[in-house]
C-alpha atoms as a PDB file:
ATOM      1  CA  MET A   1     170.363  60.870  71.306  1.00  0.00           C
ATOM      2  CA  ASP A   2     173.831  60.891  69.917  1.00  0.00           C
ATOM      3  CA  HIS A   3     176.106  59.499  72.629  1.00  0.00           C
ATOM      4  CA  THR A   4     179.171  57.291  72.556  1.00  0.00           C
ATOM      5  CA  GLY A   5     180.652  55.410  75.492  1.00  0.00           C
ATOM      6  CA  PRO A   6     179.548  55.068  79.096  1.00  0.00           C
ATOM      7  CA  TRP A   7     177.145  57.637  80.519  1.00  0.00           C
ATOM      8  CA  THR A   8     178.073  59.859  83.446  1.00  0.00           C
ATOM      9  CA  VAL A   9     175.938  61.807  85.914  1.00  0.00           C
ATOM     10  CA  ALA A  10     177.029  65.011  84.137  1.00  0.00           C
ATOM     11  CA  ASP A  11     175.864  63.570  80.782  1.00  0.00           C
ATOM     12  CA  VAL A  12     172.415  62.748  82.189  1.00  0.00           C
ATOM     13  CA  LEU A  13     172.024  66.107  83.928  1.00  0.00           C
ATOM     14  CA  ALA A  14     172.938  67.834  80.642  1.00  0.00           C
ATOM     15  CA  LEU A  15     170.036  66.179  78.783  1.00  0.00           C
ATOM     16  CA  PRO A  16     167.190  68.565  77.900  1.00  0.00           C
ATOM     17  CA  GLU A  17     164.193  68.528  80.245  1.00  0.00           C
ATOM     18  CA  ASP A  18     161.627  66.018  79.038  1.00  0.00           C
ATOM     19  CA  ARG A  19     158.303  65.595  80.824  1.00  0.00           C
ATOM     20  CA  THR A  20     157.465  62.416  78.899  1.00  0.00           C
ATOM     21  CA  THR A  21     160.534  60.423  79.975  1.00  0.00           C
ATOM     22  CA  ARG A  22     162.519  59.925  83.165  1.00  0.00           C
ATOM     23  CA  TYR A  23     166.251  59.429  82.734  1.00  0.00           C
ATOM     24  CA  GLU A  24     168.260  57.530  85.338  1.00  0.00           C
ATOM     25  CA  LEU A  25     171.854  56.364  85.420  1.00  0.00           C
ATOM     26  CA  LEU A  26     172.307  52.894  86.861  1.00  0.00           C
ATOM     27  CA  GLY A  27     176.001  52.149  86.821  1.00  0.00           C
ATOM     28  CA  GLU A  28     177.087  53.479  83.435  1.00  0.00           C
ATOM     29  CA  SER A  29     173.800  52.636  81.707  1.00  0.00           C
ATOM     30  CA  LEU A  30     171.144  55.172  80.855  1.00  0.00           C
ATOM     31  CA  VAL A  31     167.677  53.900  81.778  1.00  0.00           C
ATOM     32  CA  MET A  32     164.639  55.631  80.323  1.00  0.00           C
ATOM     33  CA  SER A  33     161.134  55.219  81.757  1.00  0.00           C
ATOM     34  CA  PRO A  34     157.870  56.631  80.443  1.00  0.00           C
ATOM     35  CA  ALA A  35     156.144  59.336  82.443  1.00  0.00           C
ATOM     36  CA  PRO A  36     153.842  57.895  85.120  1.00  0.00           C
ATOM     37  CA  GLY A  37     150.096  57.556  84.594  1.00  0.00           C
ATOM     38  CA  ILE A  38     147.257  59.433  86.262  1.00  0.00           C
ATOM     39  CA  ARG A  39     146.734  57.004  89.185  1.00  0.00           C
ATOM     40  CA  HIS A  40     150.444  57.159  89.948  1.00  0.00           C
ATOM     41  CA  GLN A  41     150.560  60.968  89.751  1.00  0.00           C
ATOM     42  CA  ARG A  42     147.427  61.343  91.892  1.00  0.00           C
ATOM     43  CA  ALA A  43     148.855  59.105  94.618  1.00  0.00           C
ATOM     44  CA  SER A  44     152.263  60.786  94.435  1.00  0.00           C
ATOM     45  CA  PHE A  45     150.751  64.256  94.846  1.00  0.00           C
ATOM     46  CA  ARG A  46     148.516  63.212  97.744  1.00  0.00           C
ATOM     47  CA  LEU A  47     151.301  61.401  99.566  1.00  0.00           C
ATOM     48  CA  ALA A  48     153.635  64.363  99.029  1.00  0.00           C
ATOM     49  CA  MET A  49     151.032  66.691 100.560  1.00  0.00           C
ATOM     50  CA  MET A  50     150.564  64.351 103.531  1.00  0.00           C
ATOM     51  CA  LEU A  51     154.319  64.124 104.083  1.00  0.00           C
ATOM     52  CA  ASP A  52     154.717  67.885 103.798  1.00  0.00           C
ATOM     53  CA  THR A  53     151.905  68.532 106.296  1.00  0.00           C
ATOM     54  CA  ALA A  54     153.331  66.002 108.749  1.00  0.00           C
ATOM     55  CA  ALA A  55     156.870  67.397 108.411  1.00  0.00           C
ATOM     56  CA  ARG A  56     155.645  70.944 109.026  1.00  0.00           C
ATOM     57  CA  ALA A  57     153.611  69.832 112.064  1.00  0.00           C
ATOM     58  CA  ALA A  58     156.745  68.155 113.462  1.00  0.00           C
ATOM     59  CA  LYS A  59     158.828  71.241 112.586  1.00  0.00           C
ATOM     60  CA  ALA A  60     161.190  68.902 110.751  1.00  0.00           C
ATOM     61  CA  PRO A  61     163.837  70.832 108.744  1.00  0.00           C
ATOM     62  CA  VAL A  62     163.055  68.966 105.510  1.00  0.00           C
ATOM     63  CA  GLU A  63     161.534  69.519 102.113  1.00  0.00           C
ATOM     64  CA  VAL A  64     159.297  67.074 100.234  1.00  0.00           C
ATOM     65  CA  LEU A  65     159.916  66.895  96.484  1.00  0.00           C
ATOM     66  CA  GLU A  66     158.419  64.867  93.659  1.00  0.00           C
ATOM     67  CA  ALA A  67     160.586  63.271  90.965  1.00  0.00           C
ATOM     68  CA  ILE A  68     163.869  65.050  91.747  1.00  0.00           C
ATOM     69  CA  ASN A  69     167.274  63.765  90.622  1.00  0.00           C
ATOM     70  CA  VAL A  70     169.169  62.071  93.443  1.00  0.00           C
ATOM     71  CA  ILE A  71     172.880  61.501  92.960  1.00  0.00           C
ATOM     72  CA  LEU A  72     173.977  58.172  94.420  1.00  0.00           C
ATOM     73  CA  PRO A  73     177.505  56.763  94.704  1.00  0.00           C
ATOM     74  CA  SER A  74     176.572  54.430  91.836  1.00  0.00           C
ATOM     75  CA  GLY A  75     174.630  56.781  89.572  1.00  0.00           C
ATOM     76  CA  LEU A  76     171.568  58.978  89.410  1.00  0.00           C
ATOM     77  CA  VAL A  77     167.967  58.034  90.132  1.00  0.00           C
ATOM     78  CA  VAL A  78     164.624  59.811  90.121  1.00  0.00           C
ATOM     79  CA  PRO A  79     162.551  58.507  93.039  1.00  0.00           C
ATOM     80  CA  ASP A  80     158.849  59.298  92.935  1.00  0.00           C
ATOM     81  CA  LEU A  81     159.106  61.201  96.234  1.00  0.00           C
ATOM     82  CA  VAL A  82     162.073  62.437  98.226  1.00  0.00           C
ATOM     83  CA  VAL A  83     162.246  63.943 101.689  1.00  0.00           C
ATOM     84  CA  THR A  84     165.523  65.830 101.905  1.00  0.00           C
ATOM     85  CA  ASP A  85     167.279  68.080 104.361  1.00  0.00           C
ATOM     86  CA  ALA A  86     165.994  71.618 103.767  1.00  0.00           C
ATOM     87  CA  GLY A  87     169.533  72.953 103.539  1.00  0.00           C
ATOM     88  CA  ALA A  88     170.195  70.732 100.513  1.00  0.00           C
ATOM     89  CA  THR A  89     167.553  72.568  98.501  1.00  0.00           C
ATOM     90  CA  ALA A  90     168.612  76.127  99.336  1.00  0.00           C
ATOM     91  CA  GLU A  91     170.118  76.502  95.858  1.00  0.00           C
ATOM     92  CA  ASP A  92     167.884  76.146  92.807  1.00  0.00           C
ATOM     93  CA  GLY A  93     169.662  73.093  91.432  1.00  0.00           C
ATOM     94  CA  VAL A  94     168.450  70.075  89.496  1.00  0.00           C
ATOM     95  CA  SER A  95     169.601  67.374  91.929  1.00  0.00           C
ATOM     96  CA  VAL A  96     170.286  66.503  95.550  1.00  0.00           C
ATOM     97  CA  ASP A  97     172.988  64.262  96.963  1.00  0.00           C
ATOM     98  CA  ALA A  98     171.921  60.988  98.570  1.00  0.00           C
ATOM     99  CA  GLU A  99     173.643  61.999 101.811  1.00  0.00           C
ATOM    100  CA  ASP A 100     171.010  64.754 102.226  1.00  0.00           C
ATOM    101  CA  VAL A 101     168.038  62.428 101.666  1.00  0.00           C
ATOM    102  CA  VAL A 102     166.032  61.215 104.664  1.00  0.00           C
ATOM    103  CA  LEU A 103     163.329  59.211 102.846  1.00  0.00           C
ATOM    104  CA  VAL A 104     162.723  57.918  99.335  1.00  0.00           C
ATOM    105  CA  VAL A 105     159.334  56.652  98.168  1.00  0.00           C
ATOM    106  CA  GLU A 106     158.748  54.521  95.091  1.00  0.00           C
ATOM    107  CA  LEU A 107     155.258  54.054  93.690  1.00  0.00           C
ATOM    108  CA  VAL A 108     155.348  50.716  91.914  1.00  0.00           C
ATOM    109  CA  SER A 109     154.472  51.048  88.238  1.00  0.00           C
ATOM    110  CA  PRO A 110     153.597  48.078  86.027  1.00  0.00           C
ATOM    111  CA  GLY A 111     156.674  48.597  83.842  1.00  0.00           C
ATOM    112  CA  ASN A 112     159.098  49.102  86.743  1.00  0.00           C
ATOM    113  CA  ARG A 113     158.078  46.482  89.319  1.00  0.00           C
ATOM    114  CA  THR A 114     161.445  44.736  89.551  1.00  0.00           C
ATOM    115  CA  VAL A 115     163.416  47.979  89.590  1.00  0.00           C
ATOM    116  CA  ASP A 116     161.144  49.552  92.257  1.00  0.00           C
ATOM    117  CA  ARG A 117     160.981  46.441  94.462  1.00  0.00           C
ATOM    118  CA  LYS A 118     164.509  45.067  94.220  1.00  0.00           C
ATOM    119  CA  PHE A 119     167.098  47.137  92.389  1.00  0.00           C
ATOM    120  CA  LYS A 120     166.414  50.671  93.623  1.00  0.00           C
ATOM    121  CA  PRO A 121     166.103  49.666  97.301  1.00  0.00           C
ATOM    122  CA  MET A 122     169.528  48.040  97.016  1.00  0.00           C
ATOM    123  CA  LEU A 123     170.988  51.284  95.608  1.00  0.00           C
ATOM    124  CA  TYR A 124     169.271  53.401  98.275  1.00  0.00           C
ATOM    125  CA  ALA A 125     170.599  51.166 101.044  1.00  0.00           C
ATOM    126  CA  GLU A 126     174.081  51.314  99.534  1.00  0.00           C
ATOM    127  CA  ALA A 127     173.780  55.131  99.658  1.00  0.00           C
ATOM    128  CA  ALA A 128     172.728  54.914 103.355  1.00  0.00           C
ATOM    129  CA  ILE A 129     169.345  56.606 102.898  1.00  0.00           C
ATOM    130  CA  PRO A 130     167.677  55.943 106.279  1.00  0.00           C
ATOM    131  CA  HIS A 131     164.075  55.357 105.137  1.00  0.00           C
ATOM    132  CA  PHE A 132     162.541  53.682 102.081  1.00  0.00           C
ATOM    133  CA  TRP A 133     158.803  53.372 101.445  1.00  0.00           C
ATOM    134  CA  ARG A 134     157.157  51.463  98.615  1.00  0.00           C
ATOM    135  CA  LEU A 135     153.546  52.090  97.574  1.00  0.00           C
ATOM    136  CA  GLU A 136     151.926  49.132  95.839  1.00  0.00           C
ATOM    137  CA  PHE A 137     148.648  49.651  93.969  1.00  0.00           C
ATOM    138  CA  ASP A 138     147.455  46.128  93.192  1.00  0.00           C
ATOM    139  CA  PRO A 139     145.401  44.328  94.292  1.00  0.00           C
ATOM    140  CA  ALA A 140     144.727  47.200  96.767  1.00  0.00           C
ATOM    141  CA  PRO A 141     146.869  50.142  97.860  1.00  0.00           C
ATOM    142  CA  MET A 142     149.497  49.142 100.417  1.00  0.00           C
ATOM    143  CA  LEU A 143     152.422  51.121 101.821  1.00  0.00           C
ATOM    144  CA  VAL A 144     155.449  49.048 102.830  1.00  0.00           C
ATOM    145  CA  VAL A 145     157.734  50.929 105.227  1.00  0.00           C
ATOM    146  CA  HIS A 146     161.434  50.064 105.502  1.00  0.00           C
ATOM    147  CA  GLU A 147     164.258  51.408 107.665  1.00  0.00           C
ATOM    148  CA  LEU A 148     167.956  50.980 107.111  1.00  0.00           C
ATOM    149  CA  GLY A 149     169.646  48.515 109.447  1.00  0.00           C
ATOM    150  CA  ASP A 150     173.112  47.014 109.039  1.00  0.00           C
ATOM    151  CA  GLY A 151     173.392  48.268 105.455  1.00  0.00           C
ATOM    152  CA  ARG A 152     170.080  46.857 104.218  1.00  0.00           C
ATOM    153  CA  TYR A 153     166.412  47.713 104.502  1.00  0.00           C
ATOM    154  CA  VAL A 154     164.312  45.991 107.112  1.00  0.00           C
ATOM    155  CA  GLU A 155     160.547  46.016 106.705  1.00  0.00           C
ATOM    156  CA  ARG A 156     159.047  47.778 109.739  1.00  0.00           C
ATOM    157  CA  THR A 157     155.362  47.894 108.931  1.00  0.00           C
ATOM    158  CA  THR A 158     152.805  47.604 106.166  1.00  0.00           C
ATOM    159  CA  ALA A 159     149.925  50.061 105.959  1.00  0.00           C
ATOM    160  CA  LEU A 160     146.934  48.358 104.345  1.00  0.00           C
ATOM    161  CA  ALA A 161     144.033  50.005 102.539  1.00  0.00           C
ATOM    162  CA  GLY A 162     141.024  50.598 104.757  1.00  0.00           C
ATOM    163  CA  ALA A 163     142.978  50.950 108.012  1.00  0.00           C
ATOM    164  CA  THR A 164     144.802  53.949 109.400  1.00  0.00           C
ATOM    165  CA  THR A 165     148.400  53.183 110.339  1.00  0.00           C
ATOM    166  CA  HIS A 166     150.453  55.436 112.596  1.00  0.00           C
ATOM    167  CA  LEU A 167     154.075  55.916 111.550  1.00  0.00           C
ATOM    168  CA  GLU A 168     156.649  57.586 113.801  1.00  0.00           C
ATOM    169  CA  THR A 169     159.619  58.016 111.472  1.00  0.00           C
ATOM    170  CA  PRO A 170     160.969  60.094 109.892  1.00  0.00           C
ATOM    171  CA  PHE A 171     158.185  62.134 111.592  1.00  0.00           C
ATOM    172  CA  PRO A 172     154.709  61.220 112.888  1.00  0.00           C
ATOM    173  CA  LEU A 173     152.125  60.486 110.194  1.00  0.00           C
ATOM    174  CA  ASP A 174     148.760  58.718 110.140  1.00  0.00           C
ATOM    175  CA  ILE A 175     147.983  57.125 106.795  1.00  0.00           C
ATOM    176  CA  ASP A 176     145.371  54.979 105.079  1.00  0.00           C
ATOM    177  CA  PRO A 177     146.688  54.116 101.591  1.00  0.00           C
ATOM    178  CA  ALA A 178     143.131  53.579 100.277  1.00  0.00           C
ATOM    179  CA  GLY A 179     142.615  57.279  99.643  1.00  0.00           C
ATOM    180  CA  LEU A 180     145.871  57.908  97.827  1.00  0.00           C
ATOM    181  CA  SER A 181     144.906  56.757  94.333  1.00  0.00           C
ATOM    182  CA  ARG A 182     141.112  56.833  94.417  1.00  0.00           C
ATOM    183  CA  GLN A 183     139.527  59.479  92.164  1.00  0.00           C
END
């Protein structure tokens, strides 16, 4: 890439589509991550289907998307899963604004542990996204559920592999993380 100076959201959105790399803008720095592996993709797809089914059952006016650009006050990120207001996706764009996002989900990858566990949640909270979930894979699948409170995320529950956990927000969902990544 031939680029001089700080990156902007417009610069990142103008990059050609690349299925092997995710581009995010954190501050004025371009961050590139390799495409996720099979376990990650399998779990992302299954969780997206579960969220979509639960949202439809609740008649929630949302859409569940995988790996969509989300524009934050401090940059641009690509969460693994996003639940956004359905009206925000009426146009066939390439991004959604954080103010339209109800839930972000990060699936923790070996190369992005610190970003997924610490840095991104801070950015999501700063953008006032009401719900943040983090799926951990090791040593066993575990879903950590957070809700925004007083400008920061508060852990509400942890769904452990082998047990079904009932979640009420952003819409009712029963989940056992064990089945998300298993072949």
